[in-house]
Amino acid sequence: MRVERPRAARYTFVASVILTDLELGHQTQGTTWNLSVYGCQVMPGNSTRIGARVRVRMIHCGETFEAQGRVTNLRPPMGAGIVFTKVEEHYQLVLDKWLAALREEKSEKQ
């Protein structure tokens, strides 16, 4: 049995999320609880399906991040794992800023 390992550090990160299924048009509101440069985990997320193409919209501290992504896993009660597949440059800057703050916060705790 192969154990999957994250490609990048994941950080605890709580933000409001709107998840939109790009094929069906369904929208779900939830919360993210972890974030990396490659994706996030969204709760509840169980109204979608593995492989679904989605748009992720996060709002945190007055800033918005959007990306297109794909649902890679569903793990109740942990929610849906989303990998980012397309991030526009201005949203990448927001993501980079959030991750830099999370890295700094983590290093201060150690």
PDB file of N, CA and C in Angstrom:
ATOM      1  N   MET A   1       0.832  -1.178   0.000  1.00  0.00           N
ATOM      2  CA  MET A   1       0.000   0.000   0.000  1.00  0.00           C
ATOM      3  C   MET A   1       0.880   1.246   0.000  1.00  0.00           C
ATOM      4  N   ARG A   2       0.650   2.134  -0.945  1.00  0.00           N
ATOM      5  CA  ARG A   2       1.434   3.359  -1.076  1.00  0.00           C
ATOM      6  C   ARG A   2       0.823   4.468  -0.218  1.00  0.00           C
ATOM      7  N   VAL A   3       1.651   5.114   0.567  1.00  0.00           N
ATOM      8  CA  VAL A   3       1.188   6.216   1.395  1.00  0.00           C
ATOM      9  C   VAL A   3       1.439   7.513   0.647  1.00  0.00           C
ATOM     10  N   GLU A   4       0.375   8.316   0.466  1.00  0.00           N
ATOM     11  CA  GLU A   4       0.537   9.597  -0.206  1.00  0.00           C
ATOM     12  C   GLU A   4       1.123  10.609   0.760  1.00  0.00           C
ATOM     13  N   ARG A   5       2.072  11.364   0.281  1.00  0.00           N
ATOM     14  CA  ARG A   5       2.684  12.412   1.081  1.00  0.00           C
ATOM     15  C   ARG A   5       2.438  13.743   0.390  1.00  0.00           C
ATOM     16  N   PRO A   6       2.215  14.776   1.167  1.00  0.00           N
ATOM     17  CA  PRO A   6       2.001  16.091   0.565  1.00  0.00           C
ATOM     18  C   PRO A   6       3.233  16.557  -0.204  1.00  0.00           C
ATOM     19  N   ARG A   7       2.999  17.255  -1.313  1.00  0.00           N
ATOM     20  CA  ARG A   7       4.108  17.789  -2.109  1.00  0.00           C
ATOM     21  C   ARG A   7       4.694  19.044  -1.481  1.00  0.00           C
ATOM     22  N   ALA A   8       3.918  19.700  -0.635  1.00  0.00           N
ATOM     23  CA  ALA A   8       4.373  20.953  -0.009  1.00  0.00           C
ATOM     24  C   ALA A   8       3.828  21.008   1.405  1.00  0.00           C
ATOM     25  N   ALA A   9       4.458  21.858   2.211  1.00  0.00           N
ATOM     26  CA  ALA A   9       4.001  22.024   3.591  1.00  0.00           C
ATOM     27  C   ALA A   9       2.548  22.490   3.609  1.00  0.00           C
ATOM     28  N   ARG A  10       1.792  21.915   4.534  1.00  0.00           N
ATOM     29  CA  ARG A  10       0.402  22.322   4.745  1.00  0.00           C
ATOM     30  C   ARG A  10       0.335  23.073   6.057  1.00  0.00           C
ATOM     31  N   TYR A  11      -0.459  24.112   6.058  1.00  0.00           N
ATOM     32  CA  TYR A  11      -0.587  24.949   7.242  1.00  0.00           C
ATOM     33  C   TYR A  11      -2.045  25.020   7.661  1.00  0.00           C
ATOM     34  N   THR A  12      -2.256  25.030   8.968  1.00  0.00           N
ATOM     35  CA  THR A  12      -3.602  25.230   9.476  1.00  0.00           C
ATOM     36  C   THR A  12      -4.040  26.622   9.058  1.00  0.00           C
ATOM     37  N   PHE A  13      -5.184  26.702   8.408  1.00  0.00           N
ATOM     38  CA  PHE A  13      -5.661  27.965   7.865  1.00  0.00           C
ATOM     39  C   PHE A  13      -7.176  27.898   7.791  1.00  0.00           C
ATOM     40  N   VAL A  14      -7.833  28.793   8.492  1.00  0.00           N
ATOM     41  CA  VAL A  14      -9.296  28.808   8.511  1.00  0.00           C
ATOM     42  C   VAL A  14      -9.783  30.035   7.761  1.00  0.00           C
ATOM     43  N   ALA A  15     -10.572  29.807   6.718  1.00  0.00           N
ATOM     44  CA  ALA A  15     -11.135  30.899   5.925  1.00  0.00           C
ATOM     45  C   ALA A  15     -12.472  30.444   5.349  1.00  0.00           C
ATOM     46  N   SER A  16     -13.352  31.396   5.093  1.00  0.00           N
ATOM     47  CA  SER A  16     -14.616  31.091   4.426  1.00  0.00           C
ATOM     48  C   SER A  16     -14.338  30.718   2.979  1.00  0.00           C
ATOM     49  N   VAL A  17     -15.077  29.731   2.482  1.00  0.00           N
ATOM     50  CA  VAL A  17     -14.872  29.243   1.115  1.00  0.00           C
ATOM     51  C   VAL A  17     -16.212  29.104   0.413  1.00  0.00           C
ATOM     52  N   ILE A  18     -16.227  29.499  -0.852  1.00  0.00           N
ATOM     53  CA  ILE A  18     -17.338  29.163  -1.737  1.00  0.00           C
ATOM     54  C   ILE A  18     -16.755  28.244  -2.789  1.00  0.00           C
ATOM     55  N   LEU A  19     -17.290  27.045  -2.866  1.00  0.00           N
ATOM     56  CA  LEU A  19     -16.832  26.022  -3.804  1.00  0.00           C
ATOM     57  C   LEU A  19     -17.905  25.871  -4.875  1.00  0.00           C
ATOM     58  N   THR A  20     -17.545  26.104  -6.141  1.00  0.00           N
ATOM     59  CA  THR A  20     -18.500  26.011  -7.247  1.00  0.00           C
ATOM     60  C   THR A  20     -18.094  24.892  -8.178  1.00  0.00           C
ATOM     61  N   ASP A  21     -18.991  23.938  -8.391  1.00  0.00           N
ATOM     62  CA  ASP A  21     -18.764  22.869  -9.351  1.00  0.00           C
ATOM     63  C   ASP A  21     -18.932  23.483 -10.742  1.00  0.00           C
ATOM     64  N   LEU A  22     -17.878  23.512 -11.549  1.00  0.00           N
ATOM     65  CA  LEU A  22     -17.910  24.185 -12.836  1.00  0.00           C
ATOM     66  C   LEU A  22     -18.745  23.459 -13.875  1.00  0.00           C
ATOM     67  N   GLU A  23     -18.998  22.183 -13.689  1.00  0.00           N
ATOM     68  CA  GLU A  23     -19.800  21.432 -14.648  1.00  0.00           C
ATOM     69  C   GLU A  23     -21.284  21.472 -14.296  1.00  0.00           C
ATOM     70  N   LEU A  24     -21.606  21.372 -13.018  1.00  0.00           N
ATOM     71  CA  LEU A  24     -23.003  21.322 -12.582  1.00  0.00           C
ATOM     72  C   LEU A  24     -23.540  22.662 -12.106  1.00  0.00           C
ATOM     73  N   GLY A  25     -22.638  23.588 -11.792  1.00  0.00           N
ATOM     74  CA  GLY A  25     -23.061  24.899 -11.321  1.00  0.00           C
ATOM     75  C   GLY A  25     -23.449  24.955  -9.857  1.00  0.00           C
ATOM     76  N   HIS A  26     -23.343  23.849  -9.134  1.00  0.00           N
ATOM     77  CA  HIS A  26     -23.681  23.839  -7.708  1.00  0.00           C
ATOM     78  C   HIS A  26     -22.662  24.627  -6.905  1.00  0.00           C
ATOM     79  N   GLN A  27     -23.165  25.386  -5.939  1.00  0.00           N
ATOM     80  CA  GLN A  27     -22.277  26.112  -5.032  1.00  0.00           C
ATOM     81  C   GLN A  27     -22.462  25.591  -3.624  1.00  0.00           C
ATOM     82  N   THR A  28     -21.347  25.498  -2.900  1.00  0.00           N
ATOM     83  CA  THR A  28     -21.339  25.078  -1.511  1.00  0.00           C
ATOM     84  C   THR A  28     -20.519  26.082  -0.724  1.00  0.00           C
ATOM     85  N   GLN A  29     -21.041  26.494   0.428  1.00  0.00           N
ATOM     86  CA  GLN A  29     -20.257  27.336   1.316  1.00  0.00           C
ATOM     87  C   GLN A  29     -19.669  26.464   2.396  1.00  0.00           C
ATOM     88  N   GLY A  30     -18.464  26.766   2.771  1.00  0.00           N
ATOM     89  CA  GLY A  30     -17.802  25.980   3.796  1.00  0.00           C
ATOM     90  C   GLY A  30     -16.634  26.736   4.368  1.00  0.00           C
ATOM     91  N   THR A  31     -15.697  25.969   4.905  1.00  0.00           N
ATOM     92  CA  THR A  31     -14.511  26.517   5.540  1.00  0.00           C
ATOM     93  C   THR A  31     -13.315  25.682   5.123  1.00  0.00           C
ATOM     94  N   THR A  32     -12.204  26.353   4.873  1.00  0.00           N
ATOM     95  CA  THR A  32     -10.975  25.618   4.664  1.00  0.00           C
ATOM     96  C   THR A  32     -10.286  25.466   6.013  1.00  0.00           C
ATOM     97  N   TRP A  33      -9.566  24.392   6.214  1.00  0.00           N
ATOM     98  CA  TRP A  33      -8.857  24.212   7.479  1.00  0.00           C
ATOM     99  C   TRP A  33      -7.385  23.899   7.281  1.00  0.00           C
ATOM    100  N   ASN A  34      -6.974  23.708   6.014  1.00  0.00           N
ATOM    101  CA  ASN A  34      -5.542  23.665   5.760  1.00  0.00           C
ATOM    102  C   ASN A  34      -5.271  24.185   4.363  1.00  0.00           C
ATOM    103  N   LEU A  35      -4.050  24.671   4.163  1.00  0.00           N
ATOM    104  CA  LEU A  35      -3.708  25.354   2.923  1.00  0.00           C
ATOM    105  C   LEU A  35      -2.257  25.063   2.576  1.00  0.00           C
ATOM    106  N   SER A  36      -1.993  24.894   1.284  1.00  0.00           N
ATOM    107  CA  SER A  36      -0.622  24.775   0.792  1.00  0.00           C
ATOM    108  C   SER A  36      -0.543  25.515  -0.527  1.00  0.00           C
ATOM    109  N   VAL A  37       0.644  25.571  -1.085  1.00  0.00           N
ATOM    110  CA  VAL A  37       0.824  26.235  -2.369  1.00  0.00           C
ATOM    111  C   VAL A  37       0.068  25.492  -3.474  1.00  0.00           C
ATOM    112  N   TYR A  38      -0.217  24.213  -3.277  1.00  0.00           N
ATOM    113  CA  TYR A  38      -0.869  23.396  -4.298  1.00  0.00           C
ATOM    114  C   TYR A  38      -2.361  23.173  -4.098  1.00  0.00           C
ATOM    115  N   GLY A  39      -2.891  23.477  -2.907  1.00  0.00           N
ATOM    116  CA  GLY A  39      -4.307  23.202  -2.706  1.00  0.00           C
ATOM    117  C   GLY A  39      -4.757  23.435  -1.283  1.00  0.00           C
ATOM    118  N   CYS A  40      -5.944  22.917  -0.982  1.00  0.00           N
ATOM    119  CA  CYS A  40      -6.523  23.113   0.345  1.00  0.00           C
ATOM    120  C   CYS A  40      -7.510  21.983   0.646  1.00  0.00           C
ATOM    121  N   GLN A  41      -7.976  21.961   1.878  1.00  0.00           N
ATOM    122  CA  GLN A  41      -8.998  21.021   2.326  1.00  0.00           C
ATOM    123  C   GLN A  41     -10.223  21.858   2.672  1.00  0.00           C
ATOM    124  N   VAL A  42     -11.389  21.499   2.146  1.00  0.00           N
ATOM    125  CA  VAL A  42     -12.617  22.270   2.342  1.00  0.00           C
ATOM    126  C   VAL A  42     -13.665  21.428   3.049  1.00  0.00           C
ATOM    127  N   MET A  43     -14.236  22.005   4.118  1.00  0.00           N
ATOM    128  CA  MET A  43     -15.342  21.355   4.827  1.00  0.00           C
ATOM    129  C   MET A  43     -16.583  22.198   4.607  1.00  0.00           C
ATOM    130  N   PRO A  44     -17.758  21.662   4.347  1.00  0.00           N
ATOM    131  CA  PRO A  44     -18.003  20.238   4.321  1.00  0.00           C
ATOM    132  C   PRO A  44     -17.521  19.575   3.045  1.00  0.00           C
ATOM    133  N   GLY A  45     -17.711  20.179   1.891  1.00  0.00           N
ATOM    134  CA  GLY A  45     -17.165  19.626   0.665  1.00  0.00           C
ATOM    135  C   GLY A  45     -17.790  18.337   0.192  1.00  0.00           C
ATOM    136  N   ASN A  46     -18.695  17.752   0.959  1.00  0.00           N
ATOM    137  CA  ASN A  46     -19.261  16.456   0.598  1.00  0.00           C
ATOM    138  C   ASN A  46     -20.406  16.550  -0.408  1.00  0.00           C
ATOM    139  N   SER A  47     -20.683  17.765  -0.914  1.00  0.00           N
ATOM    140  CA  SER A  47     -21.718  17.881  -1.934  1.00  0.00           C
ATOM    141  C   SER A  47     -21.114  17.824  -3.332  1.00  0.00           C
ATOM    142  N   THR A  48     -19.843  17.488  -3.420  1.00  0.00           N
ATOM    143  CA  THR A  48     -19.163  17.390  -4.702  1.00  0.00           C
ATOM    144  C   THR A  48     -18.706  15.948  -4.921  1.00  0.00           C
ATOM    145  N   ARG A  49     -17.917  15.721  -5.954  1.00  0.00           N
ATOM    146  CA  ARG A  49     -17.468  14.359  -6.270  1.00  0.00           C
ATOM    147  C   ARG A  49     -15.996  14.383  -6.666  1.00  0.00           C
ATOM    148  N   ILE A  50     -15.327  13.282  -6.481  1.00  0.00           N
ATOM    149  CA  ILE A  50     -13.913  13.168  -6.857  1.00  0.00           C
ATOM    150  C   ILE A  50     -13.787  13.396  -8.361  1.00  0.00           C
ATOM    151  N   GLY A  51     -12.820  14.210  -8.731  1.00  0.00           N
ATOM    152  CA  GLY A  51     -12.582  14.530 -10.130  1.00  0.00           C
ATOM    153  C   GLY A  51     -13.309  15.769 -10.616  1.00  0.00           C
ATOM    154  N   ALA A  52     -14.231  16.290  -9.822  1.00  0.00           N
ATOM    155  CA  ALA A  52     -15.004  17.462 -10.238  1.00  0.00           C
ATOM    156  C   ALA A  52     -14.081  18.669 -10.424  1.00  0.00           C
ATOM    157  N   ARG A  53     -14.328  19.424 -11.492  1.00  0.00           N
ATOM    158  CA  ARG A  53     -13.621  20.683 -11.697  1.00  0.00           C
ATOM    159  C   ARG A  53     -14.374  21.751 -10.913  1.00  0.00           C
ATOM    160  N   VAL A  54     -13.666  22.510 -10.104  1.00  0.00           N
ATOM    161  CA  VAL A  54     -14.307  23.473  -9.212  1.00  0.00           C
ATOM    162  C   VAL A  54     -13.600  24.824  -9.257  1.00  0.00           C
ATOM    163  N   ARG A  55     -14.335  25.846  -8.837  1.00  0.00           N
ATOM    164  CA  ARG A  55     -13.738  27.145  -8.559  1.00  0.00           C
ATOM    165  C   ARG A  55     -13.769  27.321  -7.052  1.00  0.00           C
ATOM    166  N   VAL A  56     -12.635  27.687  -6.490  1.00  0.00           N
ATOM    167  CA  VAL A  56     -12.491  27.911  -5.059  1.00  0.00           C
ATOM    168  C   VAL A  56     -12.371  29.415  -4.846  1.00  0.00           C
ATOM    169  N   ARG A  57     -13.208  29.949  -3.972  1.00  0.00           N
ATOM    170  CA  ARG A  57     -13.116  31.366  -3.622  1.00  0.00           C
ATOM    171  C   ARG A  57     -13.012  31.455  -2.110  1.00  0.00           C
ATOM    172  N   MET A  58     -11.848  31.942  -1.614  1.00  0.00           N
ATOM    173  CA  MET A  58     -11.600  32.087  -0.177  1.00  0.00           C
ATOM    174  C   MET A  58     -11.575  33.558   0.181  1.00  0.00           C
ATOM    175  N   ILE A  59     -12.119  33.842   1.346  1.00  0.00           N
ATOM    176  CA  ILE A  59     -12.071  35.201   1.873  1.00  0.00           C
ATOM    177  C   ILE A  59     -11.462  35.131   3.267  1.00  0.00           C
ATOM    178  N   HIS A  60     -10.398  35.924   3.470  1.00  0.00           N
ATOM    179  CA  HIS A  60      -9.683  35.915   4.745  1.00  0.00           C
ATOM    180  C   HIS A  60      -9.114  37.301   5.010  1.00  0.00           C
ATOM    181  N   CYS A  61      -9.453  37.862   6.158  1.00  0.00           N
ATOM    182  CA  CYS A  61      -8.936  39.177   6.570  1.00  0.00           C
ATOM    183  C   CYS A  61      -9.125  40.236   5.485  1.00  0.00           C
ATOM    184  N   GLY A  62     -10.285  40.215   4.842  1.00  0.00           N
ATOM    185  CA  GLY A  62     -10.602  41.229   3.848  1.00  0.00           C
ATOM    186  C   GLY A  62      -9.990  41.004   2.482  1.00  0.00           C
ATOM    187  N   GLU A  63      -9.251  39.922   2.298  1.00  0.00           N
ATOM    188  CA  GLU A  63      -8.650  39.613   1.000  1.00  0.00           C
ATOM    189  C   GLU A  63      -9.322  38.385   0.395  1.00  0.00           C
ATOM    190  N   THR A  64      -9.350  38.353  -0.930  1.00  0.00           N
ATOM    191  CA  THR A  64      -9.983  37.256  -1.649  1.00  0.00           C
ATOM    192  C   THR A  64      -8.951  36.529  -2.503  1.00  0.00           C
ATOM    193  N   PHE A  65      -9.080  35.201  -2.517  1.00  0.00           N
ATOM    194  CA  PHE A  65      -8.255  34.335  -3.356  1.00  0.00           C
ATOM    195  C   PHE A  65      -9.199  33.468  -4.170  1.00  0.00           C
ATOM    196  N   GLU A  66      -8.920  33.341  -5.460  1.00  0.00           N
ATOM    197  CA  GLU A  66      -9.704  32.446  -6.319  1.00  0.00           C
ATOM    198  C   GLU A  66      -8.769  31.580  -7.144  1.00  0.00           C
ATOM    199  N   ALA A  67      -9.232  30.367  -7.391  1.00  0.00           N
ATOM    200  CA  ALA A  67      -8.472  29.447  -8.237  1.00  0.00           C
ATOM    201  C   ALA A  67      -9.423  28.430  -8.837  1.00  0.00           C
ATOM    202  N   GLN A  68      -9.050  27.898  -9.972  1.00  0.00           N
ATOM    203  CA  GLN A  68      -9.733  26.717 -10.481  1.00  0.00           C
ATOM    204  C   GLN A  68      -9.011  25.524  -9.892  1.00  0.00           C
ATOM    205  N   GLY A  69      -9.758  24.463  -9.675  1.00  0.00           N
ATOM    206  CA  GLY A  69      -9.140  23.289  -9.084  1.00  0.00           C
ATOM    207  C   GLY A  69      -9.888  22.026  -9.442  1.00  0.00           C
ATOM    208  N   ARG A  70      -9.446  20.953  -8.812  1.00  0.00           N
ATOM    209  CA  ARG A  70     -10.055  19.637  -9.019  1.00  0.00           C
ATOM    210  C   ARG A  70     -10.141  18.939  -7.670  1.00  0.00           C
ATOM    211  N   VAL A  71     -11.252  18.269  -7.428  1.00  0.00           N
ATOM    212  CA  VAL A  71     -11.433  17.514  -6.188  1.00  0.00           C
ATOM    213  C   VAL A  71     -10.616  16.235  -6.299  1.00  0.00           C
ATOM    214  N   THR A  72      -9.665  16.067  -5.382  1.00  0.00           N
ATOM    215  CA  THR A  72      -8.791  14.889  -5.438  1.00  0.00           C
ATOM    216  C   THR A  72      -9.198  13.792  -4.471  1.00  0.00           C
ATOM    217  N   ASN A  73      -9.902  14.178  -3.394  1.00  0.00           N
ATOM    218  CA  ASN A  73     -10.346  13.161  -2.442  1.00  0.00           C
ATOM    219  C   ASN A  73     -11.508  13.693  -1.616  1.00  0.00           C
ATOM    220  N   LEU A  74     -12.287  12.788  -1.090  1.00  0.00           N
ATOM    221  CA  LEU A  74     -13.374  13.095  -0.164  1.00  0.00           C
ATOM    222  C   LEU A  74     -13.176  12.232   1.061  1.00  0.00           C
ATOM    223  N   ARG A  75     -13.030  12.881   2.208  1.00  0.00           N
ATOM    224  CA  ARG A  75     -12.784  12.152   3.447  1.00  0.00           C
ATOM    225  C   ARG A  75     -13.685  12.675   4.550  1.00  0.00           C
ATOM    226  N   PRO A  76     -14.926  12.179   4.599  1.00  0.00           N
ATOM    227  CA  PRO A  76     -15.787  12.621   5.701  1.00  0.00           C
ATOM    228  C   PRO A  76     -15.157  12.213   7.026  1.00  0.00           C
ATOM    229  N   PRO A  77     -15.156  12.986   8.027  1.00  0.00           N
ATOM    230  CA  PRO A  77     -15.721  14.329   8.131  1.00  0.00           C
ATOM    231  C   PRO A  77     -14.727  15.432   7.796  1.00  0.00           C
ATOM    232  N   MET A  78     -13.584  15.100   7.189  1.00  0.00           N
ATOM    233  CA  MET A  78     -12.543  16.092   6.923  1.00  0.00           C
ATOM    234  C   MET A  78     -12.849  16.958   5.712  1.00  0.00           C
ATOM    235  N   GLY A  79     -13.735  16.537   4.852  1.00  0.00           N
ATOM    236  CA  GLY A  79     -14.122  17.337   3.702  1.00  0.00           C
ATOM    237  C   GLY A  79     -13.439  16.906   2.422  1.00  0.00           C
ATOM    238  N   ALA A  80     -13.355  17.847   1.486  1.00  0.00           N
ATOM    239  CA  ALA A  80     -12.831  17.580   0.150  1.00  0.00           C
ATOM    240  C   ALA A  80     -11.423  18.143   0.008  1.00  0.00           C
ATOM    241  N   GLY A  81     -10.541  17.332  -0.553  1.00  0.00           N
ATOM    242  CA  GLY A  81      -9.206  17.796  -0.894  1.00  0.00           C
ATOM    243  C   GLY A  81      -9.248  18.409  -2.278  1.00  0.00           C
ATOM    244  N   ILE A  82      -8.744  19.633  -2.394  1.00  0.00           N
ATOM    245  CA  ILE A  82      -8.762  20.350  -3.670  1.00  0.00           C
ATOM    246  C   ILE A  82      -7.335  20.643  -4.091  1.00  0.00           C
ATOM    247  N   VAL A  83      -6.988  20.325  -5.336  1.00  0.00           N
ATOM    248  CA  VAL A  83      -5.702  20.728  -5.894  1.00  0.00           C
ATOM    249  C   VAL A  83      -5.984  21.907  -6.820  1.00  0.00           C
ATOM    250  N   PHE A  84      -5.166  22.968  -6.685  1.00  0.00           N
ATOM    251  CA  PHE A  84      -5.314  24.126  -7.552  1.00  0.00           C
ATOM    252  C   PHE A  84      -4.736  23.793  -8.922  1.00  0.00           C
ATOM    253  N   THR A  85      -5.510  24.053  -9.986  1.00  0.00           N
ATOM    254  CA  THR A  85      -5.035  23.769 -11.341  1.00  0.00           C
ATOM    255  C   THR A  85      -4.751  25.031 -12.135  1.00  0.00           C
ATOM    256  N   LYS A  86      -5.368  26.156 -11.739  1.00  0.00           N
ATOM    257  CA  LYS A  86      -5.128  27.423 -12.427  1.00  0.00           C
ATOM    258  C   LYS A  86      -5.330  28.563 -11.435  1.00  0.00           C
ATOM    259  N   VAL A  87      -4.263  29.347 -11.249  1.00  0.00           N
ATOM    260  CA  VAL A  87      -4.312  30.492 -10.344  1.00  0.00           C
ATOM    261  C   VAL A  87      -3.801  31.701 -11.113  1.00  0.00           C
ATOM    262  N   GLU A  88      -4.627  32.727 -11.239  1.00  0.00           N
ATOM    263  CA  GLU A  88      -4.193  33.945 -11.906  1.00  0.00           C
ATOM    264  C   GLU A  88      -3.158  34.655 -11.038  1.00  0.00           C
ATOM    265  N   GLU A  89      -2.300  35.429 -11.697  1.00  0.00           N
ATOM    266  CA  GLU A  89      -1.146  36.022 -11.025  1.00  0.00           C
ATOM    267  C   GLU A  89      -1.516  36.859  -9.798  1.00  0.00           C
ATOM    268  N   HIS A  90      -2.555  37.690  -9.892  1.00  0.00           N
ATOM    269  CA  HIS A  90      -2.891  38.530  -8.739  1.00  0.00           C
ATOM    270  C   HIS A  90      -3.408  37.712  -7.562  1.00  0.00           C
ATOM    271  N   TYR A  91      -4.046  36.571  -7.848  1.00  0.00           N
ATOM    272  CA  TYR A  91      -4.472  35.690  -6.761  1.00  0.00           C
ATOM    273  C   TYR A  91      -3.297  34.899  -6.205  1.00  0.00           C
ATOM    274  N   GLN A  92      -2.322  34.589  -7.057  1.00  0.00           N
ATOM    275  CA  GLN A  92      -1.111  33.899  -6.582  1.00  0.00           C
ATOM    276  C   GLN A  92      -0.382  34.771  -5.567  1.00  0.00           C
ATOM    277  N   LEU A  93      -0.382  36.073  -5.783  1.00  0.00           N
ATOM    278  CA  LEU A  93       0.261  36.992  -4.841  1.00  0.00           C
ATOM    279  C   LEU A  93      -0.438  36.955  -3.481  1.00  0.00           C
ATOM    280  N   VAL A  94      -1.762  36.869  -3.489  1.00  0.00           N
ATOM    281  CA  VAL A  94      -2.519  36.763  -2.234  1.00  0.00           C
ATOM    282  C   VAL A  94      -2.164  35.462  -1.532  1.00  0.00           C
ATOM    283  N   LEU A  95      -2.156  34.352  -2.277  1.00  0.00           N
ATOM    284  CA  LEU A  95      -1.809  33.055  -1.701  1.00  0.00           C
ATOM    285  C   LEU A  95      -0.396  33.073  -1.123  1.00  0.00           C
ATOM    286  N   ASP A  96       0.542  33.629  -1.870  1.00  0.00           N
ATOM    287  CA  ASP A  96       1.930  33.708  -1.388  1.00  0.00           C
ATOM    288  C   ASP A  96       2.008  34.516  -0.095  1.00  0.00           C
ATOM    289  N   LYS A  97       1.270  35.597  -0.012  1.00  0.00           N
ATOM    290  CA  LYS A  97       1.257  36.437   1.196  1.00  0.00           C
ATOM    291  C   LYS A  97       0.714  35.646   2.389  1.00  0.00           C
ATOM    292  N   TRP A  98      -0.395  34.945   2.173  1.00  0.00           N
ATOM    293  CA  TRP A  98      -0.979  34.146   3.259  1.00  0.00           C
ATOM    294  C   TRP A  98      -0.013  33.070   3.727  1.00  0.00           C
ATOM    295  N   LEU A  99       0.615  32.365   2.777  1.00  0.00           N
ATOM    296  CA  LEU A  99       1.541  31.284   3.141  1.00  0.00           C
ATOM    297  C   LEU A  99       2.778  31.821   3.854  1.00  0.00           C
ATOM    298  N   ALA A 100       3.277  32.967   3.437  1.00  0.00           N
ATOM    299  CA  ALA A 100       4.436  33.574   4.112  1.00  0.00           C
ATOM    300  C   ALA A 100       4.089  33.892   5.566  1.00  0.00           C
ATOM    301  N   ALA A 101       2.897  34.422   5.797  1.00  0.00           N
ATOM    302  CA  ALA A 101       2.469  34.734   7.167  1.00  0.00           C
ATOM    303  C   ALA A 101       2.319  33.458   7.994  1.00  0.00           C
ATOM    304  N   LEU A 102       1.818  32.394   7.380  1.00  0.00           N
ATOM    305  CA  LEU A 102       1.662  31.122   8.088  1.00  0.00           C
ATOM    306  C   LEU A 102       3.022  30.506   8.423  1.00  0.00           C
ATOM    307  N   ARG A 103       3.968  30.586   7.494  1.00  0.00           N
ATOM    308  CA  ARG A 103       5.331  30.077   7.755  1.00  0.00           C
ATOM    309  C   ARG A 103       5.971  30.846   8.906  1.00  0.00           C
ATOM    310  N   GLU A 104       5.814  32.150   8.890  1.00  0.00           N
ATOM    311  CA  GLU A 104       6.393  32.987   9.948  1.00  0.00           C
ATOM    312  C   GLU A 104       5.759  32.668  11.298  1.00  0.00           C
ATOM    313  N   GLU A 105       4.448  32.517  11.298  1.00  0.00           N
ATOM    314  CA  GLU A 105       3.736  32.175  12.536  1.00  0.00           C
ATOM    315  C   GLU A 105       4.210  30.839  13.085  1.00  0.00           C
ATOM    316  N   LYS A 106       4.402  29.873  12.195  1.00  0.00           N
ATOM    317  CA  LYS A 106       4.848  28.546  12.622  1.00  0.00           C
ATOM    318  C   LYS A 106       6.266  28.593  13.192  1.00  0.00           C
ATOM    319  N   SER A 107       7.147  29.356  12.542  1.00  0.00           N
ATOM    320  CA  SER A 107       8.534  29.429  13.019  1.00  0.00           C
ATOM    321  C   SER A 107       8.618  30.159  14.379  1.00  0.00           C
ATOM    322  N   GLU A 108       7.745  31.109  14.628  1.00  0.00           N
ATOM    323  CA  GLU A 108       7.727  31.807  15.907  1.00  0.00           C
ATOM    324  C   GLU A 108       7.294  30.884  17.048  1.00  0.00           C
ATOM    325  N   LYS A 109       6.450  29.908  16.734  1.00  0.00           N
ATOM    326  CA  LYS A 109       5.960  28.965  17.759  1.00  0.00           C
ATOM    327  C   LYS A 109       7.010  27.929  18.123  1.00  0.00           C
ATOM    328  N   GLN A 110       7.971  27.714  17.230  1.00  0.00           N
ATOM    329  CA  GLN A 110       8.970  26.652  17.478  1.00  0.00           C
ATOM    330  C   GLN A 110      10.101  27.124  18.343  1.00  0.00           C
TER     331      GLN A 110
END
